[in-house]
PDB file of N, CA and C in Angstrom:
ATOM      1  N   MET A   1      -3.727  37.917 -10.626  1.00  0.00           N
ATOM      2  CA  MET A   1      -2.591  37.346 -11.303  1.00  0.00           C
ATOM      3  C   MET A   1      -2.695  35.821 -11.244  1.00  0.00           C
ATOM      4  N   TRP A   2      -2.072  35.172 -12.211  1.00  0.00           N
ATOM      5  CA  TRP A   2      -2.005  33.710 -12.220  1.00  0.00           C
ATOM      6  C   TRP A   2      -0.872  33.251 -11.303  1.00  0.00           C
ATOM      7  N   TYR A   3      -1.080  32.079 -10.694  1.00  0.00           N
ATOM      8  CA  TYR A   3      -0.060  31.455  -9.848  1.00  0.00           C
ATOM      9  C   TYR A   3       0.027  29.981 -10.214  1.00  0.00           C
ATOM     10  N   VAL A   4       1.259  29.461 -10.200  1.00  0.00           N
ATOM     11  CA  VAL A   4       1.464  28.042 -10.451  1.00  0.00           C
ATOM     12  C   VAL A   4       1.791  27.374  -9.117  1.00  0.00           C
ATOM     13  N   PHE A   5       1.170  26.229  -8.912  1.00  0.00           N
ATOM     14  CA  PHE A   5       1.339  25.444  -7.696  1.00  0.00           C
ATOM     15  C   PHE A   5       2.006  24.130  -8.087  1.00  0.00           C
ATOM     16  N   PHE A   6       3.217  23.903  -7.585  1.00  0.00           N
ATOM     17  CA  PHE A   6       3.931  22.647  -7.793  1.00  0.00           C
ATOM     18  C   PHE A   6       3.868  21.888  -6.477  1.00  0.00           C
ATOM     19  N   SER A   7       3.102  20.821  -6.441  1.00  0.00           N
ATOM     20  CA  SER A   7       2.961  20.039  -5.213  1.00  0.00           C
ATOM     21  C   SER A   7       3.653  18.700  -5.377  1.00  0.00           C
ATOM     22  N   GLU A   8       4.373  18.314  -4.341  1.00  0.00           N
ATOM     23  CA  GLU A   8       5.146  17.082  -4.363  1.00  0.00           C
ATOM     24  C   GLU A   8       4.541  16.091  -3.362  1.00  0.00           C
ATOM     25  N   ASP A   9       4.220  14.889  -3.852  1.00  0.00           N
ATOM     26  CA  ASP A   9       3.637  13.869  -2.981  1.00  0.00           C
ATOM     27  C   ASP A   9       4.678  13.252  -2.063  1.00  0.00           C
ATOM     28  N   LYS A  10       4.226  12.837  -0.882  1.00  0.00           N
ATOM     29  CA  LYS A  10       5.039  12.017   0.004  1.00  0.00           C
ATOM     30  C   LYS A  10       5.074  10.608  -0.579  1.00  0.00           C
ATOM     31  N   ALA A  11       6.099   9.864  -0.276  1.00  0.00           N
ATOM     32  CA  ALA A  11       6.187   8.468  -0.719  1.00  0.00           C
ATOM     33  C   ALA A  11       5.033   7.665  -0.119  1.00  0.00           C
ATOM     34  N   ASP A  12       4.523   6.722  -0.897  1.00  0.00           N
ATOM     35  CA  ASP A  12       3.477   5.800  -0.432  1.00  0.00           C
ATOM     36  C   ASP A  12       2.230   6.517   0.083  1.00  0.00           C
ATOM     37  N   SER A  13       1.803   7.579  -0.604  1.00  0.00           N
ATOM     38  CA  SER A  13       0.630   8.344  -0.164  1.00  0.00           C
ATOM     39  C   SER A  13      -0.595   8.121  -1.048  1.00  0.00           C
ATOM     40  N   LEU A  14      -0.576   7.075  -1.883  1.00  0.00           N
ATOM     41  CA  LEU A  14      -1.682   6.848  -2.805  1.00  0.00           C
ATOM     42  C   LEU A  14      -3.002   6.629  -2.073  1.00  0.00           C
ATOM     43  N   ALA A  15      -3.013   5.879  -1.001  1.00  0.00           N
ATOM     44  CA  ALA A  15      -4.257   5.632  -0.260  1.00  0.00           C
ATOM     45  C   ALA A  15      -4.830   6.935   0.295  1.00  0.00           C
ATOM     46  N   GLN A  16      -3.978   7.792   0.836  1.00  0.00           N
ATOM     47  CA  GLN A  16      -4.437   9.084   1.357  1.00  0.00           C
ATOM     48  C   GLN A  16      -4.948   9.965   0.214  1.00  0.00           C
ATOM     49  N   ARG A  17      -4.277   9.897  -0.928  1.00  0.00           N
ATOM     50  CA  ARG A  17      -4.691  10.679  -2.101  1.00  0.00           C
ATOM     51  C   ARG A  17      -6.099  10.271  -2.528  1.00  0.00           C
ATOM     52  N   LYS A  18      -6.321   8.973  -2.621  1.00  0.00           N
ATOM     53  CA  LYS A  18      -7.639   8.480  -3.038  1.00  0.00           C
ATOM     54  C   LYS A  18      -8.725   8.907  -2.055  1.00  0.00           C
ATOM     55  N   ALA A  19      -8.440   8.847  -0.764  1.00  0.00           N
ATOM     56  CA  ALA A  19      -9.432   9.205   0.254  1.00  0.00           C
ATOM     57  C   ALA A  19      -9.771  10.697   0.232  1.00  0.00           C
ATOM     58  N   ALA A  20      -8.781  11.546  -0.004  1.00  0.00           N
ATOM     59  CA  ALA A  20      -8.996  12.999   0.031  1.00  0.00           C
ATOM     60  C   ALA A  20      -9.392  13.584  -1.321  1.00  0.00           C
ATOM     61  N   ARG A  21      -9.389  12.764  -2.365  1.00  0.00           N
ATOM     62  CA  ARG A  21      -9.619  13.260  -3.729  1.00  0.00           C
ATOM     63  C   ARG A  21     -10.949  14.007  -3.912  1.00  0.00           C
ATOM     64  N   PRO A  22     -12.076  13.516  -3.388  1.00  0.00           N
ATOM     65  CA  PRO A  22     -13.329  14.262  -3.598  1.00  0.00           C
ATOM     66  C   PRO A  22     -13.266  15.701  -3.064  1.00  0.00           C
ATOM     67  N   ASP A  23     -12.708  15.892  -1.878  1.00  0.00           N
ATOM     68  CA  ASP A  23     -12.606  17.244  -1.321  1.00  0.00           C
ATOM     69  C   ASP A  23     -11.621  18.103  -2.105  1.00  0.00           C
ATOM     70  N   HIS A  24     -10.523  17.491  -2.538  1.00  0.00           N
ATOM     71  CA  HIS A  24      -9.525  18.201  -3.350  1.00  0.00           C
ATOM     72  C   HIS A  24     -10.158  18.673  -4.668  1.00  0.00           C
ATOM     73  N   LEU A  25     -10.890  17.781  -5.331  1.00  0.00           N
ATOM     74  CA  LEU A  25     -11.529  18.136  -6.605  1.00  0.00           C
ATOM     75  C   LEU A  25     -12.626  19.183  -6.425  1.00  0.00           C
ATOM     76  N   ALA A  26     -13.317  19.156  -5.303  1.00  0.00           N
ATOM     77  CA  ALA A  26     -14.372  20.150  -5.047  1.00  0.00           C
ATOM     78  C   ALA A  26     -13.783  21.560  -5.000  1.00  0.00           C
ATOM     79  N   ARG A  27     -12.619  21.709  -4.398  1.00  0.00           N
ATOM     80  CA  ARG A  27     -11.968  23.024  -4.348  1.00  0.00           C
ATOM     81  C   ARG A  27     -11.555  23.492  -5.739  1.00  0.00           C
ATOM     82  N   LEU A  28     -11.055  22.558  -6.537  1.00  0.00           N
ATOM     83  CA  LEU A  28     -10.675  22.906  -7.904  1.00  0.00           C
ATOM     84  C   LEU A  28     -11.901  23.264  -8.733  1.00  0.00           C
ATOM     85  N   GLN A  29     -12.987  22.531  -8.540  1.00  0.00           N
ATOM     86  CA  GLN A  29     -14.232  22.815  -9.257  1.00  0.00           C
ATOM     87  C   GLN A  29     -14.746  24.210  -8.899  1.00  0.00           C
ATOM     88  N   ALA A  30     -14.613  24.589  -7.643  1.00  0.00           N
ATOM     89  CA  ALA A  30     -15.044  25.932  -7.221  1.00  0.00           C
ATOM     90  C   ALA A  30     -14.239  27.005  -7.955  1.00  0.00           C
ATOM     91  N   LEU A  31     -12.927  26.800  -8.088  1.00  0.00           N
ATOM     92  CA  LEU A  31     -12.111  27.756  -8.857  1.00  0.00           C
ATOM     93  C   LEU A  31     -12.548  27.791 -10.317  1.00  0.00           C
ATOM     94  N   LYS A  32     -12.815  26.617 -10.876  1.00  0.00           N
ATOM     95  CA  LYS A  32     -13.271  26.548 -12.273  1.00  0.00           C
ATOM     96  C   LYS A  32     -14.582  27.303 -12.445  1.00  0.00           C
ATOM     97  N   ASP A  33     -15.509  27.093 -11.531  1.00  0.00           N
ATOM     98  CA  ASP A  33     -16.817  27.759 -11.599  1.00  0.00           C
ATOM     99  C   ASP A  33     -16.685  29.278 -11.522  1.00  0.00           C
ATOM    100  N   GLN A  34     -15.642  29.756 -10.854  1.00  0.00           N
ATOM    101  CA  GLN A  34     -15.387  31.199 -10.738  1.00  0.00           C
ATOM    102  C   GLN A  34     -14.579  31.738 -11.918  1.00  0.00           C
ATOM    103  N   GLY A  35     -14.212  30.845 -12.852  1.00  0.00           N
ATOM    104  CA  GLY A  35     -13.404  31.263 -13.997  1.00  0.00           C
ATOM    105  C   GLY A  35     -11.952  31.542 -13.636  1.00  0.00           C
ATOM    106  N   LYS A  36     -11.474  30.940 -12.521  1.00  0.00           N
ATOM    107  CA  LYS A  36     -10.122  31.227 -12.034  1.00  0.00           C
ATOM    108  C   LYS A  36      -9.162  30.049 -12.158  1.00  0.00           C
ATOM    109  N   LEU A  37      -9.547  29.001 -12.869  1.00  0.00           N
ATOM    110  CA  LEU A  37      -8.679  27.832 -13.017  1.00  0.00           C
ATOM    111  C   LEU A  37      -8.247  27.700 -14.468  1.00  0.00           C
ATOM    112  N   LEU A  38      -6.948  27.718 -14.690  1.00  0.00           N
ATOM    113  CA  LEU A  38      -6.403  27.549 -16.031  1.00  0.00           C
ATOM    114  C   LEU A  38      -6.193  26.075 -16.340  1.00  0.00           C
ATOM    115  N   VAL A  39      -5.571  25.353 -15.404  1.00  0.00           N
ATOM    116  CA  VAL A  39      -5.292  23.928 -15.601  1.00  0.00           C
ATOM    117  C   VAL A  39      -5.005  23.297 -14.242  1.00  0.00           C
ATOM    118  N   ALA A  40      -5.289  22.008 -14.125  1.00  0.00           N
ATOM    119  CA  ALA A  40      -4.969  21.271 -12.905  1.00  0.00           C
ATOM    120  C   ALA A  40      -4.860  19.795 -13.243  1.00  0.00           C
ATOM    121  N   GLY A  41      -3.910  19.130 -12.607  1.00  0.00           N
ATOM    122  CA  GLY A  41      -3.805  17.692 -12.806  1.00  0.00           C
ATOM    123  C   GLY A  41      -2.629  17.094 -12.073  1.00  0.00           C
ATOM    124  N   PRO A  42      -2.671  15.759 -11.921  1.00  0.00           N
ATOM    125  CA  PRO A  42      -1.595  15.060 -11.228  1.00  0.00           C
ATOM    126  C   PRO A  42      -0.459  14.696 -12.167  1.00  0.00           C
ATOM    127  N   CYS A  43       0.671  14.346 -11.570  1.00  0.00           N
ATOM    128  CA  CYS A  43       1.856  13.889 -12.306  1.00  0.00           C
ATOM    129  C   CYS A  43       2.008  12.390 -12.039  1.00  0.00           C
ATOM    130  N   PRO A  44       1.666  11.535 -13.025  1.00  0.00           N
ATOM    131  CA  PRO A  44       1.795  10.087 -12.816  1.00  0.00           C
ATOM    132  C   PRO A  44       3.242   9.691 -12.519  1.00  0.00           C
ATOM    133  N   ALA A  45       3.395   8.688 -11.674  1.00  0.00           N
ATOM    134  CA  ALA A  45       4.730   8.208 -11.304  1.00  0.00           C
ATOM    135  C   ALA A  45       5.390   7.434 -12.439  1.00  0.00           C
ATOM    136  N   ILE A  46       4.583   6.950 -13.391  1.00  0.00           N
ATOM    137  CA  ILE A  46       5.112   6.264 -14.559  1.00  0.00           C
ATOM    138  C   ILE A  46       4.504   6.898 -15.802  1.00  0.00           C
ATOM    139  N   ASP A  47       5.055   6.597 -16.948  1.00  0.00           N
ATOM    140  CA  ASP A  47       4.680   7.244 -18.208  1.00  0.00           C
ATOM    141  C   ASP A  47       3.396   6.665 -18.792  1.00  0.00           C
ATOM    142  N   CYS A  48       2.262   6.942 -18.129  1.00  0.00           N
ATOM    143  CA  CYS A  48       0.951   6.553 -18.665  1.00  0.00           C
ATOM    144  C   CYS A  48      -0.130   7.345 -17.940  1.00  0.00           C
ATOM    145  N   ASP A  49      -1.292   7.458 -18.583  1.00  0.00           N
ATOM    146  CA  ASP A  49      -2.393   8.222 -18.002  1.00  0.00           C
ATOM    147  C   ASP A  49      -2.909   7.624 -16.703  1.00  0.00           C
ATOM    148  N   ASP A  50      -2.957   6.288 -16.621  1.00  0.00           N
ATOM    149  CA  ASP A  50      -3.443   5.622 -15.419  1.00  0.00           C
ATOM    150  C   ASP A  50      -2.310   4.804 -14.813  1.00  0.00           C
ATOM    151  N   PRO A  51      -1.598   5.366 -13.845  1.00  0.00           N
ATOM    152  CA  PRO A  51      -0.435   4.671 -13.301  1.00  0.00           C
ATOM    153  C   PRO A  51      -0.775   3.539 -12.335  1.00  0.00           C
ATOM    154  N   GLY A  52      -2.052   3.332 -12.063  1.00  0.00           N
ATOM    155  CA  GLY A  52      -2.440   2.266 -11.152  1.00  0.00           C
ATOM    156  C   GLY A  52      -1.773   2.411  -9.800  1.00  0.00           C
ATOM    157  N   GLU A  53      -1.253   1.316  -9.281  1.00  0.00           N
ATOM    158  CA  GLU A  53      -0.648   1.326  -7.952  1.00  0.00           C
ATOM    159  C   GLU A  53       0.686   2.073  -7.895  1.00  0.00           C
ATOM    160  N   ALA A  54       1.254   2.434  -9.057  1.00  0.00           N
ATOM    161  CA  ALA A  54       2.474   3.249  -9.049  1.00  0.00           C
ATOM    162  C   ALA A  54       2.178   4.635  -8.493  1.00  0.00           C
ATOM    163  N   GLY A  55       0.929   5.083  -8.661  1.00  0.00           N
ATOM    164  CA  GLY A  55       0.499   6.348  -8.080  1.00  0.00           C
ATOM    165  C   GLY A  55       1.027   7.577  -8.786  1.00  0.00           C
ATOM    166  N   PHE A  56       1.212   8.612  -8.012  1.00  0.00           N
ATOM    167  CA  PHE A  56       1.564   9.929  -8.533  1.00  0.00           C
ATOM    168  C   PHE A  56       2.734  10.513  -7.748  1.00  0.00           C
ATOM    169  N   THR A  57       3.437  11.422  -8.375  1.00  0.00           N
ATOM    170  CA  THR A  57       4.555  12.088  -7.710  1.00  0.00           C
ATOM    171  C   THR A  57       4.201  13.493  -7.243  1.00  0.00           C
ATOM    172  N   GLY A  58       3.049  13.983  -7.663  1.00  0.00           N
ATOM    173  CA  GLY A  58       2.631  15.324  -7.279  1.00  0.00           C
ATOM    174  C   GLY A  58       1.537  15.840  -8.187  1.00  0.00           C
ATOM    175  N   SER A  59       1.360  17.157  -8.159  1.00  0.00           N
ATOM    176  CA  SER A  59       0.309  17.800  -8.945  1.00  0.00           C
ATOM    177  C   SER A  59       0.758  19.183  -9.381  1.00  0.00           C
ATOM    178  N   VAL A  60       0.111  19.681 -10.433  1.00  0.00           N
ATOM    179  CA  VAL A  60       0.326  21.048 -10.910  1.00  0.00           C
ATOM    180  C   VAL A  60      -1.039  21.715 -11.039  1.00  0.00           C
ATOM    181  N   VAL A  61      -1.133  22.923 -10.529  1.00  0.00           N
ATOM    182  CA  VAL A  61      -2.339  23.740 -10.668  1.00  0.00           C
ATOM    183  C   VAL A  61      -1.889  25.120 -11.104  1.00  0.00           C
ATOM    184  N   ILE A  62      -2.603  25.710 -12.041  1.00  0.00           N
ATOM    185  CA  ILE A  62      -2.408  27.122 -12.375  1.00  0.00           C
ATOM    186  C   ILE A  62      -3.760  27.788 -12.209  1.00  0.00           C
ATOM    187  N   ALA A  63      -3.798  28.752 -11.285  1.00  0.00           N
ATOM    188  CA  ALA A  63      -5.064  29.399 -10.946  1.00  0.00           C
ATOM    189  C   ALA A  63      -4.835  30.879 -10.652  1.00  0.00           C
ATOM    190  N   GLU A  64      -5.920  31.619 -10.703  1.00  0.00           N
ATOM    191  CA  GLU A  64      -5.858  33.064 -10.514  1.00  0.00           C
ATOM    192  C   GLU A  64      -6.257  33.445  -9.092  1.00  0.00           C
ATOM    193  N   PHE A  65      -5.435  34.298  -8.469  1.00  0.00           N
ATOM    194  CA  PHE A  65      -5.717  34.832  -7.143  1.00  0.00           C
ATOM    195  C   PHE A  65      -5.337  36.302  -7.123  1.00  0.00           C
ATOM    196  N   ASP A  66      -5.786  37.019  -6.110  1.00  0.00           N
ATOM    197  CA  ASP A  66      -5.505  38.450  -6.001  1.00  0.00           C
ATOM    198  C   ASP A  66      -4.086  38.745  -5.533  1.00  0.00           C
ATOM    199  N   SER A  67      -3.457  37.779  -4.841  1.00  0.00           N
ATOM    200  CA  SER A  67      -2.115  38.019  -4.321  1.00  0.00           C
ATOM    201  C   SER A  67      -1.411  36.688  -4.076  1.00  0.00           C
ATOM    202  N   LEU A  68      -0.101  36.752  -3.950  1.00  0.00           N
ATOM    203  CA  LEU A  68       0.683  35.572  -3.618  1.00  0.00           C
ATOM    204  C   LEU A  68       0.283  35.026  -2.246  1.00  0.00           C
ATOM    205  N   GLU A  69       0.012  35.908  -1.316  1.00  0.00           N
ATOM    206  CA  GLU A  69      -0.395  35.484   0.016  1.00  0.00           C
ATOM    207  C   GLU A  69      -1.706  34.702  -0.033  1.00  0.00           C
ATOM    208  N   GLN A  70      -2.652  35.185  -0.831  1.00  0.00           N
ATOM    209  CA  GLN A  70      -3.934  34.495  -0.978  1.00  0.00           C
ATOM    210  C   GLN A  70      -3.739  33.126  -1.641  1.00  0.00           C
ATOM    211  N   ALA A  71      -2.884  33.078  -2.647  1.00  0.00           N
ATOM    212  CA  ALA A  71      -2.598  31.819  -3.320  1.00  0.00           C
ATOM    213  C   ALA A  71      -1.944  30.828  -2.357  1.00  0.00           C
ATOM    214  N   GLN A  72      -0.991  31.297  -1.557  1.00  0.00           N
ATOM    215  CA  GLN A  72      -0.324  30.423  -0.597  1.00  0.00           C
ATOM    216  C   GLN A  72      -1.300  29.908   0.458  1.00  0.00           C
ATOM    217  N   SER A  73      -2.200  30.760   0.908  1.00  0.00           N
ATOM    218  CA  SER A  73      -3.213  30.334   1.884  1.00  0.00           C
ATOM    219  C   SER A  73      -4.108  29.253   1.301  1.00  0.00           C
ATOM    220  N   TRP A  74      -4.477  29.418   0.035  1.00  0.00           N
ATOM    221  CA  TRP A  74      -5.303  28.406  -0.638  1.00  0.00           C
ATOM    222  C   TRP A  74      -4.538  27.089  -0.695  1.00  0.00           C
ATOM    223  N   ALA A  75      -3.263  27.139  -1.046  1.00  0.00           N
ATOM    224  CA  ALA A  75      -2.453  25.921  -1.126  1.00  0.00           C
ATOM    225  C   ALA A  75      -2.327  25.256   0.240  1.00  0.00           C
ATOM    226  N   ASP A  76      -2.114  26.032   1.272  1.00  0.00           N
ATOM    227  CA  ASP A  76      -1.938  25.490   2.620  1.00  0.00           C
ATOM    228  C   ASP A  76      -3.199  24.780   3.122  1.00  0.00           C
ATOM    229  N   ALA A  77      -4.361  25.173   2.598  1.00  0.00           N
ATOM    230  CA  ALA A  77      -5.629  24.591   3.032  1.00  0.00           C
ATOM    231  C   ALA A  77      -6.076  23.417   2.169  1.00  0.00           C
ATOM    232  N   ASP A  78      -5.245  22.971   1.247  1.00  0.00           N
ATOM    233  CA  ASP A  78      -5.619  21.869   0.355  1.00  0.00           C
ATOM    234  C   ASP A  78      -5.855  20.590   1.151  1.00  0.00           C
ATOM    235  N   PRO A  79      -6.940  19.876   0.871  1.00  0.00           N
ATOM    236  CA  PRO A  79      -7.196  18.609   1.558  1.00  0.00           C
ATOM    237  C   PRO A  79      -6.068  17.595   1.407  1.00  0.00           C
ATOM    238  N   TYR A  80      -5.334  17.635   0.314  1.00  0.00           N
ATOM    239  CA  TYR A  80      -4.195  16.731   0.164  1.00  0.00           C
ATOM    240  C   TYR A  80      -3.088  17.068   1.166  1.00  0.00           C
ATOM    241  N   MET A  81      -2.938  18.323   1.514  1.00  0.00           N
ATOM    242  CA  MET A  81      -1.957  18.712   2.523  1.00  0.00           C
ATOM    243  C   MET A  81      -2.413  18.186   3.890  1.00  0.00           C
ATOM    244  N   ALA A  82      -3.674  18.394   4.210  1.00  0.00           N
ATOM    245  CA  ALA A  82      -4.200  17.942   5.503  1.00  0.00           C
ATOM    246  C   ALA A  82      -4.163  16.424   5.634  1.00  0.00           C
ATOM    247  N   ALA A  83      -4.345  15.715   4.517  1.00  0.00           N
ATOM    248  CA  ALA A  83      -4.377  14.249   4.536  1.00  0.00           C
ATOM    249  C   ALA A  83      -2.987  13.625   4.503  1.00  0.00           C
ATOM    250  N   GLY A  84      -1.953  14.440   4.368  1.00  0.00           N
ATOM    251  CA  GLY A  84      -0.600  13.910   4.338  1.00  0.00           C
ATOM    252  C   GLY A  84      -0.165  13.403   2.977  1.00  0.00           C
ATOM    253  N   VAL A  85      -0.835  13.839   1.916  1.00  0.00           N
ATOM    254  CA  VAL A  85      -0.444  13.457   0.554  1.00  0.00           C
ATOM    255  C   VAL A  85       0.761  14.277   0.113  1.00  0.00           C
ATOM    256  N   TYR A  86       0.663  15.590   0.252  1.00  0.00           N
ATOM    257  CA  TYR A  86       1.729  16.475  -0.196  1.00  0.00           C
ATOM    258  C   TYR A  86       2.777  16.655   0.899  1.00  0.00           C
ATOM    259  N   GLN A  87       4.045  16.587   0.495  1.00  0.00           N
ATOM    260  CA  GLN A  87       5.102  16.932   1.444  1.00  0.00           C
ATOM    261  C   GLN A  87       5.426  18.412   1.368  1.00  0.00           C
ATOM    262  N   ARG A  88       5.152  19.023   0.206  1.00  0.00           N
ATOM    263  CA  ARG A  88       5.328  20.466   0.084  1.00  0.00           C
ATOM    264  C   ARG A  88       4.661  20.956  -1.188  1.00  0.00           C
ATOM    265  N   THR A  89       4.338  22.253  -1.175  1.00  0.00           N
ATOM    266  CA  THR A  89       3.799  22.927  -2.358  1.00  0.00           C
ATOM    267  C   THR A  89       4.558  24.231  -2.526  1.00  0.00           C
ATOM    268  N   ILE A  90       5.062  24.421  -3.734  1.00  0.00           N
ATOM    269  CA  ILE A  90       5.726  25.671  -4.091  1.00  0.00           C
ATOM    270  C   ILE A  90       4.730  26.499  -4.896  1.00  0.00           C
ATOM    271  N   VAL A  91       4.552  27.752  -4.513  1.00  0.00           N
ATOM    272  CA  VAL A  91       3.631  28.660  -5.202  1.00  0.00           C
ATOM    273  C   VAL A  91       4.441  29.810  -5.770  1.00  0.00           C
ATOM    274  N   LYS A  92       4.267  30.051  -7.077  1.00  0.00           N
ATOM    275  CA  LYS A  92       4.997  31.132  -7.738  1.00  0.00           C
ATOM    276  C   LYS A  92       4.065  31.906  -8.661  1.00  0.00           C
ATOM    277  N   PRO A  93       4.298  33.208  -8.820  1.00  0.00           N
ATOM    278  CA  PRO A  93       3.556  33.965  -9.826  1.00  0.00           C
ATOM    279  C   PRO A  93       3.820  33.355 -11.205  1.00  0.00           C
ATOM    280  N   TYR A  94       2.809  33.433 -12.056  1.00  0.00           N
ATOM    281  CA  TYR A  94       2.890  32.835 -13.384  1.00  0.00           C
ATOM    282  C   TYR A  94       2.338  33.816 -14.416  1.00  0.00           C
ATOM    283  N   LYS A  95       3.072  34.007 -15.488  1.00  0.00           N
ATOM    284  CA  LYS A  95       2.616  34.887 -16.569  1.00  0.00           C
ATOM    285  C   LYS A  95       2.254  34.041 -17.770  1.00  0.00           C
ATOM    286  N   LYS A  96       0.982  34.011 -18.098  1.00  0.00           N
ATOM    287  CA  LYS A  96       0.512  33.247 -19.264  1.00  0.00           C
ATOM    288  C   LYS A  96       0.839  34.031 -20.521  1.00  0.00           C
ATOM    289  N   VAL A  97       1.542  33.395 -21.440  1.00  0.00           N
ATOM    290  CA  VAL A  97       1.917  34.032 -22.702  1.00  0.00           C
ATOM    291  C   VAL A  97       1.192  33.365 -23.869  1.00  0.00           C
ATOM    292  N   LEU A  98       1.242  32.046 -23.959  1.00  0.00           N
ATOM    293  CA  LEU A  98       0.604  31.299 -25.053  1.00  0.00           C
ATOM    294  C   LEU A  98      -0.247  30.168 -24.486  1.00  0.00           C
ATOM    295  N   PRO A  99      -1.245  29.672 -25.088  1.00  0.00           N
ATOM    296  CA  PRO A  99      -1.894  30.251 -26.264  1.00  0.00           C
ATOM    297  C   PRO A  99      -2.703  31.459 -25.896  1.00  0.00           C
TER     298      PRO A  99
END
């Protein structure tokens, strides 16, 4: 089943985000390589693609896992969580309808 991950950044965590980004992207790339990633990306803190020092407010990932428990375990092991970027991640089942 698909699951949506809503992750919320801690205030002033841009430096930690930048440092942990390679490991975070490697995990997403692994899901993509397995055909289990629908979409992933950050939420800019301001209305532009490159927010610069304004940073990000969080991230959204939609990926396929066998169970909610497995999806939650994957979220809990995110390098951004370990680095103190995310203050929390909400994981919910997701039903893709369109396109």
